[in-house]
Amino acid sequence: MKIEDLLNLTSGNIVSKPTVSAINSVTVYPSKVEEGDLFISNSKEDIATALANGAYAIIFSDPAIKVKDKEVAWIEVQDIQKAAFKLIRYVLISREANFYLFTEHELSFLKMIVTQKSNLDILPDDWRKMFEKILNSKAKMFIGTDTELMKMIKPDVAILNKEASCEIISDTLFKTTFKINNYIYQEKEITPFHVDFLQRVVEFCDIHHLPYDLDRVKYTKHFVPVFIDSTLSVMNPSKSDKVAIFTDNLQDVYKAREYVRYNGAWVKTIVLTPPKTKVDGVDRP
């Protein structure tokens, strides 16, 4: 890519008088820089490493960065993250790639049930890792959970069908019998308020012809029940009436308490949270 095209794409200003006119590739990691590459960073140490490795151009936004080698193209931008994603959008013009914004719950079920993932990539939430993954991937489908980053790539990024709803045949807080695509799955290890997430993912898989196996359904990291006795020793579910539920989000806490309120009013619940975590309806979480 020509330096003048870089300037146009990133709305950057060149602050040196380079002898180079084009770059070969781009990276945000100094260890990956090869001769002729563009490096994007605000780290003085990383920039020094990139220059030592043969970088032809540097994109930065920190005014404290000093030009060290005037033969290199030093391009100052307002925001290096935004500049990097402008480059990604340009690269994607020549690719037939689709992007989808999932919730954390939806992504957990996708990872769980899909049996063949060769043509899709799960994007990390760190912008640098996301940048590198998209840049170096040949996948046709990208799935991420960070709304801000995904919309920087594609402002109208697609989401799953929030109207998708699964038919529940019977349920307890810890097991659900449900019907999907005319098949009944009996007493699966899934809480009933997670079944609609599963249905959305199944619908997505059907639309995009992704193979999946619903026999893989089990508890996700978002809701893990562990049956215990009075000494907190782990017990078989059939031999205990005490259970500790581990969640990584407040929404599932609210859903579980609501379920108990309507289906087991006699059950005593205790909510334990990290310091300063406020739980609605609990005075001393």
C-alpha atoms as a PDB file:
ATOM      1  CA  MET A   1       0.000   0.000   0.000  1.00  0.00           C
ATOM      2  CA  LYS A   2       1.266   3.484  -0.865  1.00  0.00           C
ATOM      3  CA  ILE A   3       1.991   5.949   1.928  1.00  0.00           C
ATOM      4  CA  GLU A   4      -0.381   8.495   0.369  1.00  0.00           C
ATOM      5  CA  ASP A   5      -3.182   5.906   0.512  1.00  0.00           C
ATOM      6  CA  LEU A   6      -2.412   5.314   4.192  1.00  0.00           C
ATOM      7  CA  LEU A   7      -2.774   9.030   4.833  1.00  0.00           C
ATOM      8  CA  ASN A   8      -6.125   9.146   3.059  1.00  0.00           C
ATOM      9  CA  LEU A   9      -7.484   6.061   4.826  1.00  0.00           C
ATOM     10  CA  THR A  10      -6.452   7.090   8.335  1.00  0.00           C
ATOM     11  CA  SER A  11      -6.901  10.874   7.973  1.00  0.00           C
ATOM     12  CA  GLY A  12      -3.338  11.110   9.230  1.00  0.00           C
ATOM     13  CA  ASN A  13      -0.637  13.744   8.910  1.00  0.00           C
ATOM     14  CA  ILE A  14       2.885  12.833   7.893  1.00  0.00           C
ATOM     15  CA  VAL A  15       5.439  14.466  10.199  1.00  0.00           C
ATOM     16  CA  SER A  16       8.653  13.296   8.529  1.00  0.00           C
ATOM     17  CA  LYS A  17      10.206  13.345   5.074  1.00  0.00           C
ATOM     18  CA  PRO A  18      10.354   9.654   4.260  1.00  0.00           C
ATOM     19  CA  THR A  19      12.396   8.116   1.501  1.00  0.00           C
ATOM     20  CA  VAL A  20       9.961   5.186   1.345  1.00  0.00           C
ATOM     21  CA  SER A  21       6.759   5.377  -0.683  1.00  0.00           C
ATOM     22  CA  ALA A  22       4.922   2.171   0.253  1.00  0.00           C
ATOM     23  CA  ILE A  23       4.597  -0.536   2.902  1.00  0.00           C
ATOM     24  CA  ASN A  24       4.292  -4.300   2.565  1.00  0.00           C
ATOM     25  CA  SER A  25       2.114  -5.283   5.517  1.00  0.00           C
ATOM     26  CA  VAL A  26       0.873  -4.007   8.875  1.00  0.00           C
ATOM     27  CA  THR A  27       0.975  -5.187  12.479  1.00  0.00           C
ATOM     28  CA  VAL A  28       0.410  -3.926  16.023  1.00  0.00           C
ATOM     29  CA  TYR A  29       3.011  -6.246  17.570  1.00  0.00           C
ATOM     30  CA  PRO A  30       6.698  -5.222  17.329  1.00  0.00           C
ATOM     31  CA  SER A  31       7.887  -8.830  17.321  1.00  0.00           C
ATOM     32  CA  LYS A  32       5.967  -9.435  14.080  1.00  0.00           C
ATOM     33  CA  VAL A  33       7.444  -6.486  12.201  1.00  0.00           C
ATOM     34  CA  GLU A  34       9.441  -7.378   9.110  1.00  0.00           C
ATOM     35  CA  GLU A  35      11.322  -5.110   6.751  1.00  0.00           C
ATOM     36  CA  GLY A  36       8.933  -2.870   4.869  1.00  0.00           C
ATOM     37  CA  ASP A  37       6.033  -3.119   7.331  1.00  0.00           C
ATOM     38  CA  LEU A  38       3.771  -0.524   8.926  1.00  0.00           C
ATOM     39  CA  PHE A  39       3.681  -0.562  12.732  1.00  0.00           C
ATOM     40  CA  ILE A  40       0.849   0.950  14.794  1.00  0.00           C
ATOM     41  CA  SER A  41       1.607   1.902  18.406  1.00  0.00           C
ATOM     42  CA  ASN A  42       2.052   4.636  21.010  1.00  0.00           C
ATOM     43  CA  SER A  43       4.739   2.724  22.898  1.00  0.00           C
ATOM     44  CA  LYS A  44       8.203   4.267  22.548  1.00  0.00           C
ATOM     45  CA  GLU A  45       9.867   0.941  23.365  1.00  0.00           C
ATOM     46  CA  ASP A  46       7.755  -1.002  20.866  1.00  0.00           C
ATOM     47  CA  ILE A  47       8.349   1.608  18.165  1.00  0.00           C
ATOM     48  CA  ALA A  48      12.105   1.333  18.739  1.00  0.00           C
ATOM     49  CA  THR A  49      11.871  -2.450  18.344  1.00  0.00           C
ATOM     50  CA  ALA A  50       9.785  -2.097  15.180  1.00  0.00           C
ATOM     51  CA  LEU A  51      12.319   0.304  13.661  1.00  0.00           C
ATOM     52  CA  ALA A  52      15.141  -2.092  14.518  1.00  0.00           C
ATOM     53  CA  ASN A  53      13.198  -4.844  12.734  1.00  0.00           C
ATOM     54  CA  GLY A  54      12.924  -2.744   9.579  1.00  0.00           C
ATOM     55  CA  ALA A  55       9.587  -0.901   9.793  1.00  0.00           C
ATOM     56  CA  TYR A  56       9.001   1.536   6.934  1.00  0.00           C
ATOM     57  CA  ALA A  57       6.137   3.422   8.563  1.00  0.00           C
ATOM     58  CA  ILE A  58       4.830   4.224  12.042  1.00  0.00           C
ATOM     59  CA  ILE A  59       1.280   5.272  12.915  1.00  0.00           C
ATOM     60  CA  PHE A  60       0.959   6.958  16.322  1.00  0.00           C
ATOM     61  CA  SER A  61      -1.304   9.410  18.164  1.00  0.00           C
ATOM     62  CA  ASP A  62       0.718  10.360  21.249  1.00  0.00           C
ATOM     63  CA  PRO A  63       2.261  13.835  20.711  1.00  0.00           C
ATOM     64  CA  ALA A  64       5.068  12.865  23.089  1.00  0.00           C
ATOM     65  CA  ILE A  65       6.412  10.410  20.504  1.00  0.00           C
ATOM     66  CA  LYS A  66       9.589  11.794  18.923  1.00  0.00           C
ATOM     67  CA  VAL A  67      10.579  11.122  15.332  1.00  0.00           C
ATOM     68  CA  LYS A  68      13.783   9.059  15.442  1.00  0.00           C
ATOM     69  CA  ASP A  69      14.369   8.117  11.805  1.00  0.00           C
ATOM     70  CA  LYS A  70      13.166  10.722   9.312  1.00  0.00           C
ATOM     71  CA  GLU A  71      13.549   8.347   6.381  1.00  0.00           C
ATOM     72  CA  VAL A  72      10.659   6.342   7.848  1.00  0.00           C
ATOM     73  CA  ALA A  73       7.072   7.518   7.284  1.00  0.00           C
ATOM     74  CA  TRP A  74       5.796   8.815  10.640  1.00  0.00           C
ATOM     75  CA  ILE A  75       2.036   9.290  10.465  1.00  0.00           C
ATOM     76  CA  GLU A  76       0.228  11.045  13.302  1.00  0.00           C
ATOM     77  CA  VAL A  77      -3.482  10.282  13.767  1.00  0.00           C
ATOM     78  CA  GLN A  78      -6.091  11.242  16.343  1.00  0.00           C
ATOM     79  CA  ASP A  79      -6.641   7.678  17.588  1.00  0.00           C
ATOM     80  CA  ILE A  80      -4.493   4.653  16.699  1.00  0.00           C
ATOM     81  CA  GLN A  81      -7.311   2.201  17.406  1.00  0.00           C
ATOM     82  CA  LYS A  82      -9.694   3.969  15.034  1.00  0.00           C
ATOM     83  CA  ALA A  83      -6.949   4.253  12.430  1.00  0.00           C
ATOM     84  CA  ALA A  84      -6.228   0.525  12.682  1.00  0.00           C
ATOM     85  CA  PHE A  85      -9.877  -0.371  12.187  1.00  0.00           C
ATOM     86  CA  LYS A  86     -10.136   1.941   9.175  1.00  0.00           C
ATOM     87  CA  LEU A  87      -7.373  -0.143   7.638  1.00  0.00           C
ATOM     88  CA  ILE A  88      -9.267  -3.324   8.505  1.00  0.00           C
ATOM     89  CA  ARG A  89     -12.397  -2.018   6.779  1.00  0.00           C
ATOM     90  CA  TYR A  90     -10.312  -1.285   3.695  1.00  0.00           C
ATOM     91  CA  VAL A  91      -8.811  -4.787   3.695  1.00  0.00           C
ATOM     92  CA  LEU A  92     -12.280  -6.317   4.050  1.00  0.00           C
ATOM     93  CA  ILE A  93     -13.528  -4.631   0.874  1.00  0.00           C
ATOM     94  CA  SER A  94     -11.859  -7.361  -1.169  1.00  0.00           C
ATOM     95  CA  ARG A  95     -13.125 -10.186   1.053  1.00  0.00           C
ATOM     96  CA  GLU A  96     -16.532 -11.808   1.294  1.00  0.00           C
ATOM     97  CA  ALA A  97     -16.582 -11.744   5.087  1.00  0.00           C
ATOM     98  CA  ASN A  98     -19.586 -11.441   7.393  1.00  0.00           C
ATOM     99  CA  PHE A  99     -19.573 -10.171  10.975  1.00  0.00           C
ATOM    100  CA  TYR A 100     -21.996 -11.063  13.758  1.00  0.00           C
ATOM    101  CA  LEU A 101     -22.391  -9.576  17.216  1.00  0.00           C
ATOM    102  CA  PHE A 102     -23.246 -12.197  19.840  1.00  0.00           C
ATOM    103  CA  THR A 103     -23.989 -11.898  23.533  1.00  0.00           C
ATOM    104  CA  GLU A 104     -21.675 -13.792  25.885  1.00  0.00           C
ATOM    105  CA  HIS A 105     -24.409 -16.397  26.479  1.00  0.00           C
ATOM    106  CA  GLU A 106     -25.001 -16.894  22.759  1.00  0.00           C
ATOM    107  CA  LEU A 107     -21.287 -17.315  22.130  1.00  0.00           C
ATOM    108  CA  SER A 108     -21.005 -19.909  24.897  1.00  0.00           C
ATOM    109  CA  PHE A 109     -23.709 -22.039  23.289  1.00  0.00           C
ATOM    110  CA  LEU A 110     -22.220 -21.602  19.812  1.00  0.00           C
ATOM    111  CA  LYS A 111     -18.847 -22.884  21.046  1.00  0.00           C
ATOM    112  CA  MET A 112     -20.615 -25.723  22.825  1.00  0.00           C
ATOM    113  CA  ILE A 113     -22.806 -27.151  20.078  1.00  0.00           C
ATOM    114  CA  VAL A 114     -21.085 -26.379  16.760  1.00  0.00           C
ATOM    115  CA  THR A 115     -19.093 -29.393  15.624  1.00  0.00           C
ATOM    116  CA  GLN A 116     -17.180 -27.837  12.748  1.00  0.00           C
ATOM    117  CA  LYS A 117     -15.723 -24.309  13.049  1.00  0.00           C
ATOM    118  CA  SER A 118     -13.172 -24.198  10.238  1.00  0.00           C
ATOM    119  CA  ASN A 119     -14.852 -21.350   8.365  1.00  0.00           C
ATOM    120  CA  LEU A 120     -15.541 -19.066  11.312  1.00  0.00           C
ATOM    121  CA  ASP A 121     -13.350 -17.166  13.739  1.00  0.00           C
ATOM    122  CA  ILE A 122     -14.228 -16.049  17.253  1.00  0.00           C
ATOM    123  CA  LEU A 123     -12.856 -12.559  17.804  1.00  0.00           C
ATOM    124  CA  PRO A 124     -11.197 -11.559  21.102  1.00  0.00           C
ATOM    125  CA  ASP A 125     -12.312  -8.393  22.909  1.00  0.00           C
ATOM    126  CA  ASP A 126      -8.818  -6.861  22.910  1.00  0.00           C
ATOM    127  CA  TRP A 127      -8.629  -4.544  19.890  1.00  0.00           C
ATOM    128  CA  ARG A 128      -5.036  -5.431  19.007  1.00  0.00           C
ATOM    129  CA  LYS A 129      -5.728  -9.164  19.072  1.00  0.00           C
ATOM    130  CA  MET A 130      -8.906  -8.599  17.070  1.00  0.00           C
ATOM    131  CA  PHE A 131      -7.021  -6.521  14.503  1.00  0.00           C
ATOM    132  CA  GLU A 132      -4.363  -9.185  13.974  1.00  0.00           C
ATOM    133  CA  LYS A 133      -6.877 -12.028  13.826  1.00  0.00           C
ATOM    134  CA  ILE A 134      -9.007 -10.401  11.143  1.00  0.00           C
ATOM    135  CA  LEU A 135      -5.968  -9.286   9.162  1.00  0.00           C
ATOM    136  CA  ASN A 136      -4.411 -12.752   9.059  1.00  0.00           C
ATOM    137  CA  SER A 137      -7.544 -14.894   8.827  1.00  0.00           C
ATOM    138  CA  LYS A 138      -9.070 -16.497   5.757  1.00  0.00           C
ATOM    139  CA  ALA A 139     -12.385 -17.127   7.497  1.00  0.00           C
ATOM    140  CA  LYS A 140     -15.617 -15.980   5.892  1.00  0.00           C
ATOM    141  CA  MET A 141     -17.446 -15.472   9.174  1.00  0.00           C
ATOM    142  CA  PHE A 142     -16.353 -13.516  12.253  1.00  0.00           C
ATOM    143  CA  ILE A 143     -18.168 -13.530  15.578  1.00  0.00           C
ATOM    144  CA  GLY A 144     -17.478 -11.138  18.444  1.00  0.00           C
ATOM    145  CA  THR A 145     -19.081  -9.918  21.659  1.00  0.00           C
ATOM    146  CA  ASP A 146     -17.607  -6.417  22.048  1.00  0.00           C
ATOM    147  CA  THR A 147     -20.276  -4.063  20.727  1.00  0.00           C
ATOM    148  CA  GLU A 148     -18.019  -1.026  20.360  1.00  0.00           C
ATOM    149  CA  LEU A 149     -15.271  -2.840  18.466  1.00  0.00           C
ATOM    150  CA  MET A 150     -17.645  -4.794  16.233  1.00  0.00           C
ATOM    151  CA  LYS A 151     -19.462  -1.600  15.231  1.00  0.00           C
ATOM    152  CA  MET A 152     -16.142   0.047  14.409  1.00  0.00           C
ATOM    153  CA  ILE A 153     -15.667  -2.667  11.802  1.00  0.00           C
ATOM    154  CA  LYS A 154     -19.269  -2.785  10.637  1.00  0.00           C
ATOM    155  CA  PRO A 155     -21.671  -0.138  12.009  1.00  0.00           C
ATOM    156  CA  ASP A 156     -24.711  -2.239  11.061  1.00  0.00           C
ATOM    157  CA  VAL A 157     -23.225  -5.500  12.367  1.00  0.00           C
ATOM    158  CA  ALA A 158     -25.798  -8.307  12.410  1.00  0.00           C
ATOM    159  CA  ILE A 159     -27.195  -9.754  15.633  1.00  0.00           C
ATOM    160  CA  LEU A 160     -29.138 -12.929  16.318  1.00  0.00           C
ATOM    161  CA  ASN A 161     -32.915 -13.068  16.172  1.00  0.00           C
ATOM    162  CA  LYS A 162     -34.078 -11.866  19.587  1.00  0.00           C
ATOM    163  CA  GLU A 163     -37.596 -13.108  18.810  1.00  0.00           C
ATOM    164  CA  ALA A 164     -36.439 -16.719  18.606  1.00  0.00           C
ATOM    165  CA  SER A 165     -38.138 -18.686  21.368  1.00  0.00           C
ATOM    166  CA  CYS A 166     -37.859 -22.327  22.311  1.00  0.00           C
ATOM    167  CA  GLU A 167     -40.775 -24.527  23.370  1.00  0.00           C
ATOM    168  CA  ILE A 168     -40.192 -25.733  26.924  1.00  0.00           C
ATOM    169  CA  ILE A 169     -41.951 -28.994  27.750  1.00  0.00           C
ATOM    170  CA  SER A 170     -41.006 -29.147  31.432  1.00  0.00           C
ATOM    171  CA  ASP A 171     -38.365 -27.612  33.635  1.00  0.00           C
ATOM    172  CA  THR A 172     -36.720 -27.217  36.993  1.00  0.00           C
ATOM    173  CA  LEU A 173     -34.143 -24.570  37.803  1.00  0.00           C
ATOM    174  CA  PHE A 174     -31.377 -26.982  36.824  1.00  0.00           C
ATOM    175  CA  LYS A 175     -32.816 -29.196  34.074  1.00  0.00           C
ATOM    176  CA  THR A 176     -35.049 -28.516  31.109  1.00  0.00           C
ATOM    177  CA  THR A 177     -36.928 -30.626  28.586  1.00  0.00           C
ATOM    178  CA  PHE A 178     -37.385 -28.619  25.394  1.00  0.00           C
ATOM    179  CA  LYS A 179     -38.355 -28.971  21.752  1.00  0.00           C
ATOM    180  CA  ILE A 180     -36.250 -27.667  18.866  1.00  0.00           C
ATOM    181  CA  ASN A 181     -36.864 -28.430  15.185  1.00  0.00           C
ATOM    182  CA  ASN A 182     -39.506 -31.022  16.116  1.00  0.00           C
ATOM    183  CA  TYR A 183     -37.101 -32.969  18.327  1.00  0.00           C
ATOM    184  CA  ILE A 184     -37.571 -33.237  22.078  1.00  0.00           C
ATOM    185  CA  TYR A 185     -34.463 -33.097  24.259  1.00  0.00           C
ATOM    186  CA  GLN A 186     -35.185 -34.481  27.697  1.00  0.00           C
ATOM    187  CA  GLU A 187     -33.862 -33.166  30.989  1.00  0.00           C
ATOM    188  CA  LYS A 188     -30.801 -31.456  29.584  1.00  0.00           C
ATOM    189  CA  GLU A 189     -28.442 -29.676  31.963  1.00  0.00           C
ATOM    190  CA  ILE A 190     -29.587 -26.181  31.091  1.00  0.00           C
ATOM    191  CA  THR A 191     -31.569 -23.702  33.145  1.00  0.00           C
ATOM    192  CA  PRO A 192     -34.885 -22.735  31.491  1.00  0.00           C
ATOM    193  CA  PHE A 193     -33.966 -19.061  31.144  1.00  0.00           C
ATOM    194  CA  HIS A 194     -30.997 -20.010  28.943  1.00  0.00           C
ATOM    195  CA  VAL A 195     -33.009 -22.029  26.440  1.00  0.00           C
ATOM    196  CA  ASP A 196     -33.912 -19.034  24.278  1.00  0.00           C
ATOM    197  CA  PHE A 197     -30.200 -18.224  23.883  1.00  0.00           C
ATOM    198  CA  LEU A 198     -29.743 -21.771  22.638  1.00  0.00           C
ATOM    199  CA  GLN A 199     -32.667 -21.415  20.219  1.00  0.00           C
ATOM    200  CA  ARG A 200     -31.153 -18.260  18.703  1.00  0.00           C
ATOM    201  CA  VAL A 201     -27.861 -20.058  18.133  1.00  0.00           C
ATOM    202  CA  VAL A 202     -29.597 -23.081  16.584  1.00  0.00           C
ATOM    203  CA  GLU A 203     -31.492 -20.787  14.223  1.00  0.00           C
ATOM    204  CA  PHE A 204     -28.209 -19.079  13.291  1.00  0.00           C
ATOM    205  CA  CYS A 205     -26.559 -22.444  12.622  1.00  0.00           C
ATOM    206  CA  ASP A 206     -29.469 -23.597  10.473  1.00  0.00           C
ATOM    207  CA  ILE A 207     -29.365 -20.420   8.374  1.00  0.00           C
ATOM    208  CA  HIS A 208     -25.609 -20.651   7.815  1.00  0.00           C
ATOM    209  CA  HIS A 209     -25.459 -24.443   7.461  1.00  0.00           C
ATOM    210  CA  LEU A 210     -23.200 -24.908  10.470  1.00  0.00           C
ATOM    211  CA  PRO A 211     -23.246 -28.486  11.807  1.00  0.00           C
ATOM    212  CA  TYR A 212     -24.205 -28.798  15.462  1.00  0.00           C
ATOM    213  CA  ASP A 213     -25.058 -31.390  18.090  1.00  0.00           C
ATOM    214  CA  LEU A 214     -27.628 -30.575  20.785  1.00  0.00           C
ATOM    215  CA  ASP A 215     -26.587 -33.621  22.778  1.00  0.00           C
ATOM    216  CA  ARG A 216     -23.626 -31.465  23.786  1.00  0.00           C
ATOM    217  CA  VAL A 217     -25.861 -29.073  25.698  1.00  0.00           C
ATOM    218  CA  LYS A 218     -24.826 -28.615  29.317  1.00  0.00           C
ATOM    219  CA  TYR A 219     -24.355 -25.831  31.839  1.00  0.00           C
ATOM    220  CA  THR A 220     -22.339 -22.869  30.628  1.00  0.00           C
ATOM    221  CA  LYS A 221     -19.799 -20.914  32.647  1.00  0.00           C
ATOM    222  CA  HIS A 222     -22.551 -18.336  33.224  1.00  0.00           C
ATOM    223  CA  PHE A 223     -24.624 -20.655  35.441  1.00  0.00           C
ATOM    224  CA  VAL A 224     -23.015 -23.596  37.227  1.00  0.00           C
ATOM    225  CA  PRO A 225     -24.917 -25.391  40.044  1.00  0.00           C
ATOM    226  CA  VAL A 226     -22.879 -27.400  42.543  1.00  0.00           C
ATOM    227  CA  PHE A 227     -24.812 -29.533  45.024  1.00  0.00           C
ATOM    228  CA  ILE A 228     -23.326 -29.530  48.517  1.00  0.00           C
ATOM    229  CA  ASP A 229     -23.950 -30.696  52.087  1.00  0.00           C
ATOM    230  CA  SER A 230     -23.831 -28.687  55.317  1.00  0.00           C
ATOM    231  CA  THR A 231     -20.012 -28.850  55.324  1.00  0.00           C
ATOM    232  CA  LEU A 232     -19.824 -27.527  51.740  1.00  0.00           C
ATOM    233  CA  SER A 233     -18.658 -30.890  50.412  1.00  0.00           C
ATOM    234  CA  VAL A 234     -19.774 -31.651  46.858  1.00  0.00           C
ATOM    235  CA  MET A 235     -22.671 -34.102  46.727  1.00  0.00           C
ATOM    236  CA  ASN A 236     -24.635 -36.039  44.130  1.00  0.00           C
ATOM    237  CA  PRO A 237     -27.671 -33.917  43.133  1.00  0.00           C
ATOM    238  CA  SER A 238     -30.068 -36.691  44.155  1.00  0.00           C
ATOM    239  CA  LYS A 239     -28.648 -36.749  47.683  1.00  0.00           C
ATOM    240  CA  SER A 240     -28.677 -33.070  48.549  1.00  0.00           C
ATOM    241  CA  ASP A 241     -31.219 -30.284  48.945  1.00  0.00           C
ATOM    242  CA  LYS A 242     -28.531 -27.597  49.078  1.00  0.00           C
ATOM    243  CA  VAL A 243     -26.941 -26.065  46.021  1.00  0.00           C
ATOM    244  CA  ALA A 244     -24.406 -23.330  45.329  1.00  0.00           C
ATOM    245  CA  ILE A 245     -24.937 -21.594  41.994  1.00  0.00           C
ATOM    246  CA  PHE A 246     -21.932 -19.882  40.443  1.00  0.00           C
ATOM    247  CA  THR A 247     -22.639 -17.126  37.925  1.00  0.00           C
ATOM    248  CA  ASP A 248     -20.488 -14.535  36.199  1.00  0.00           C
ATOM    249  CA  ASN A 249     -23.269 -12.007  35.638  1.00  0.00           C
ATOM    250  CA  LEU A 250     -26.032 -10.324  37.624  1.00  0.00           C
ATOM    251  CA  GLN A 251     -28.761 -11.016  35.080  1.00  0.00           C
ATOM    252  CA  ASP A 252     -28.654 -14.737  35.823  1.00  0.00           C
ATOM    253  CA  VAL A 253     -28.786 -13.968  39.546  1.00  0.00           C
ATOM    254  CA  TYR A 254     -32.018 -12.048  38.987  1.00  0.00           C
ATOM    255  CA  LYS A 255     -33.454 -14.766  36.740  1.00  0.00           C
ATOM    256  CA  ALA A 256     -32.664 -17.520  39.239  1.00  0.00           C
ATOM    257  CA  ARG A 257     -34.183 -15.591  42.148  1.00  0.00           C
ATOM    258  CA  GLU A 258     -37.291 -14.854  40.073  1.00  0.00           C
ATOM    259  CA  TYR A 259     -37.623 -18.541  39.171  1.00  0.00           C
ATOM    260  CA  VAL A 260     -37.357 -19.569  42.816  1.00  0.00           C
ATOM    261  CA  ARG A 261     -39.843 -16.900  43.862  1.00  0.00           C
ATOM    262  CA  TYR A 262     -42.519 -18.269  41.531  1.00  0.00           C
ATOM    263  CA  ASN A 263     -41.718 -21.969  41.656  1.00  0.00           C
ATOM    264  CA  GLY A 264     -40.289 -22.576  45.094  1.00  0.00           C
ATOM    265  CA  ALA A 265     -41.305 -19.867  47.513  1.00  0.00           C
ATOM    266  CA  TRP A 266     -40.236 -22.081  50.418  1.00  0.00           C
ATOM    267  CA  VAL A 267     -36.612 -22.087  49.228  1.00  0.00           C
ATOM    268  CA  LYS A 268     -34.171 -19.936  51.165  1.00  0.00           C
ATOM    269  CA  THR A 269     -31.632 -18.086  49.025  1.00  0.00           C
ATOM    270  CA  ILE A 270     -28.389 -16.363  49.973  1.00  0.00           C
ATOM    271  CA  VAL A 271     -26.604 -14.132  47.477  1.00  0.00           C
ATOM    272  CA  LEU A 272     -22.826 -13.715  47.794  1.00  0.00           C
ATOM    273  CA  THR A 273     -21.087 -11.187  45.550  1.00  0.00           C
ATOM    274  CA  PRO A 274     -17.726  -9.451  45.225  1.00  0.00           C
ATOM    275  CA  PRO A 275     -17.280  -6.217  47.229  1.00  0.00           C
ATOM    276  CA  LYS A 276     -19.170  -3.175  45.914  1.00  0.00           C
ATOM    277  CA  THR A 277     -21.371  -5.306  43.656  1.00  0.00           C
ATOM    278  CA  LYS A 278     -24.945  -4.102  44.036  1.00  0.00           C
ATOM    279  CA  VAL A 279     -27.744  -6.635  43.640  1.00  0.00           C
ATOM    280  CA  ASP A 280     -31.258  -5.212  43.361  1.00  0.00           C
ATOM    281  CA  GLY A 281     -33.476  -6.413  46.180  1.00  0.00           C
ATOM    282  CA  VAL A 282     -30.564  -7.490  48.368  1.00  0.00           C
ATOM    283  CA  ASP A 283     -29.645  -5.043  51.127  1.00  0.00           C
ATOM    284  CA  ARG A 284     -26.287  -6.567  52.060  1.00  0.00           C
ATOM    285  CA  PRO A 285     -24.862  -8.399  49.059  1.00  0.00           C
END
